[in-house]
Amino acid sequence: MLANYTAKPIEFEGQFYDQRHGGPFDRGAADSYYNRGHNPHYYVAGTGTSRRFDMHDMTALQITAYTAGYNWNEQHGNKKDWG
């Protein structure tokens, strides 16, 4: 994957969100997918390969994007099958 790859924006509840790997929307969707709690955070670049920003370092828009990703995945029911 190219480092500067930008995923197509995703629409959820009338808003468009950047779904790049490591971004707030992506991290929210991933936390939902893995049945983790709502814990806003994101990475500057790839997940686990760059600096992590937690909720106290995030803007209101970033927290909204994280929450949208979490809620989007909850609505779609895409969950990790641990079986």
C-alpha atoms as a PDB file:
ATOM      1  CA  MET A   1       0.000   0.000   0.000  1.00  0.00           C
ATOM      2  CA  LEU A   2       1.243   3.458  -0.807  1.00  0.00           C
ATOM      3  CA  ALA A   3       1.961   5.724   2.151  1.00  0.00           C
ATOM      4  CA  ASN A   4      -0.027   8.579   0.636  1.00  0.00           C
ATOM      5  CA  TYR A   5      -3.035   6.416  -0.281  1.00  0.00           C
ATOM      6  CA  THR A   6      -6.318   8.199   0.426  1.00  0.00           C
ATOM      7  CA  ALA A   7      -9.457   6.104   0.694  1.00  0.00           C
ATOM      8  CA  LYS A   8     -12.675   7.353  -0.842  1.00  0.00           C
ATOM      9  CA  PRO A   9     -14.645   9.393   1.713  1.00  0.00           C
ATOM     10  CA  ILE A  10     -17.517   7.522   3.299  1.00  0.00           C
ATOM     11  CA  GLU A  11     -20.937   9.059   3.885  1.00  0.00           C
ATOM     12  CA  PHE A  12     -22.684   8.464   7.192  1.00  0.00           C
ATOM     13  CA  GLU A  13     -25.744  10.316   8.432  1.00  0.00           C
ATOM     14  CA  GLY A  14     -25.362  13.049   5.820  1.00  0.00           C
ATOM     15  CA  GLN A  15     -21.684  13.769   6.524  1.00  0.00           C
ATOM     16  CA  PHE A  16     -18.576  12.624   4.652  1.00  0.00           C
ATOM     17  CA  TYR A  17     -15.617  11.192   6.553  1.00  0.00           C
ATOM     18  CA  ASP A  18     -12.056  10.385   5.568  1.00  0.00           C
ATOM     19  CA  GLN A  19     -11.613   6.669   6.180  1.00  0.00           C
ATOM     20  CA  ARG A  20      -7.844   6.478   5.838  1.00  0.00           C
ATOM     21  CA  HIS A  21      -6.127   3.758   7.843  1.00  0.00           C
ATOM     22  CA  GLY A  22      -5.287   5.094  11.285  1.00  0.00           C
ATOM     23  CA  GLY A  23      -7.609   8.101  11.060  1.00  0.00           C
ATOM     24  CA  PRO A  24     -10.401   8.814  13.551  1.00  0.00           C
ATOM     25  CA  PHE A  25     -13.230   7.248  11.488  1.00  0.00           C
ATOM     26  CA  ASP A  26     -11.146   4.133  10.825  1.00  0.00           C
ATOM     27  CA  ARG A  27     -10.178   3.737  14.489  1.00  0.00           C
ATOM     28  CA  GLY A  28     -13.794   4.100  15.619  1.00  0.00           C
ATOM     29  CA  ALA A  29     -14.937   1.469  13.137  1.00  0.00           C
ATOM     30  CA  ALA A  30     -12.098  -0.829  14.216  1.00  0.00           C
ATOM     31  CA  ASP A  31     -12.940  -0.494  17.911  1.00  0.00           C
ATOM     32  CA  SER A  32     -16.545  -1.437  17.133  1.00  0.00           C
ATOM     33  CA  TYR A  33     -15.429  -4.323  14.888  1.00  0.00           C
ATOM     34  CA  TYR A  34     -13.278  -5.804  17.651  1.00  0.00           C
ATOM     35  CA  ASN A  35     -15.992  -5.209  20.287  1.00  0.00           C
ATOM     36  CA  ARG A  36     -13.857  -2.685  22.125  1.00  0.00           C
ATOM     37  CA  GLY A  37     -15.437   0.205  23.967  1.00  0.00           C
ATOM     38  CA  HIS A  38     -15.843   3.726  22.645  1.00  0.00           C
ATOM     39  CA  ASN A  39     -12.387   5.265  23.230  1.00  0.00           C
ATOM     40  CA  PRO A  40     -11.655   8.113  20.791  1.00  0.00           C
ATOM     41  CA  HIS A  41      -8.133   8.084  19.370  1.00  0.00           C
ATOM     42  CA  TYR A  42      -6.322   8.106  16.048  1.00  0.00           C
ATOM     43  CA  TYR A  43      -2.863   7.819  14.502  1.00  0.00           C
ATOM     44  CA  VAL A  44      -1.109  10.470  12.438  1.00  0.00           C
ATOM     45  CA  ALA A  45      -0.190   7.830   9.870  1.00  0.00           C
ATOM     46  CA  GLY A  46      -0.712   4.077   9.969  1.00  0.00           C
ATOM     47  CA  THR A  47      -2.151   2.363  13.025  1.00  0.00           C
ATOM     48  CA  GLY A  48       0.586   1.390  15.431  1.00  0.00           C
ATOM     49  CA  THR A  49       3.340   2.793  13.209  1.00  0.00           C
ATOM     50  CA  SER A  50       3.003   6.458  14.102  1.00  0.00           C
ATOM     51  CA  ARG A  51       2.127   8.691  17.004  1.00  0.00           C
ATOM     52  CA  ARG A  52      -1.213   7.948  18.678  1.00  0.00           C
ATOM     53  CA  PHE A  53      -3.459  10.827  19.719  1.00  0.00           C
ATOM     54  CA  ASP A  54      -5.979  10.182  22.482  1.00  0.00           C
ATOM     55  CA  MET A  55      -9.211  12.044  23.150  1.00  0.00           C
ATOM     56  CA  HIS A  56      -7.588  14.816  25.204  1.00  0.00           C
ATOM     57  CA  ASP A  57      -5.415  15.646  22.143  1.00  0.00           C
ATOM     58  CA  MET A  58      -8.284  15.541  19.619  1.00  0.00           C
ATOM     59  CA  THR A  59     -10.464  18.276  18.196  1.00  0.00           C
ATOM     60  CA  ALA A  60     -14.246  18.109  18.416  1.00  0.00           C
ATOM     61  CA  LEU A  61     -14.359  17.227  14.686  1.00  0.00           C
ATOM     62  CA  GLN A  62     -11.908  14.358  15.164  1.00  0.00           C
ATOM     63  CA  ILE A  63     -13.945  12.988  18.073  1.00  0.00           C
ATOM     64  CA  THR A  64     -17.071  13.286  15.935  1.00  0.00           C
ATOM     65  CA  ALA A  65     -15.349  11.352  13.126  1.00  0.00           C
ATOM     66  CA  TYR A  66     -14.248   8.621  15.554  1.00  0.00           C
ATOM     67  CA  THR A  67     -17.792   8.354  16.939  1.00  0.00           C
ATOM     68  CA  ALA A  68     -19.241   8.256  13.424  1.00  0.00           C
ATOM     69  CA  GLY A  69     -16.917   5.368  12.527  1.00  0.00           C
ATOM     70  CA  TYR A  70     -17.897   3.525  15.677  1.00  0.00           C
ATOM     71  CA  ASN A  71     -21.623   4.063  15.092  1.00  0.00           C
ATOM     72  CA  TRP A  72     -21.348   3.258  11.373  1.00  0.00           C
ATOM     73  CA  ASN A  73     -19.867  -0.129  12.154  1.00  0.00           C
ATOM     74  CA  GLU A  74     -22.390  -0.765  14.930  1.00  0.00           C
ATOM     75  CA  GLN A  75     -25.226  -0.122  12.465  1.00  0.00           C
ATOM     76  CA  HIS A  76     -23.691  -2.415   9.872  1.00  0.00           C
ATOM     77  CA  GLY A  77     -23.079  -5.198  12.389  1.00  0.00           C
ATOM     78  CA  ASN A  78     -19.633  -6.001  11.023  1.00  0.00           C
ATOM     79  CA  LYS A  79     -18.046  -7.766  14.012  1.00  0.00           C
ATOM     80  CA  LYS A  80     -14.971  -9.936  14.404  1.00  0.00           C
ATOM     81  CA  ASP A  81     -15.879 -13.643  14.610  1.00  0.00           C
ATOM     82  CA  TRP A  82     -13.689 -14.916  17.420  1.00  0.00           C
ATOM     83  CA  GLY A  83     -15.112 -18.471  16.965  1.00  0.00           C
END
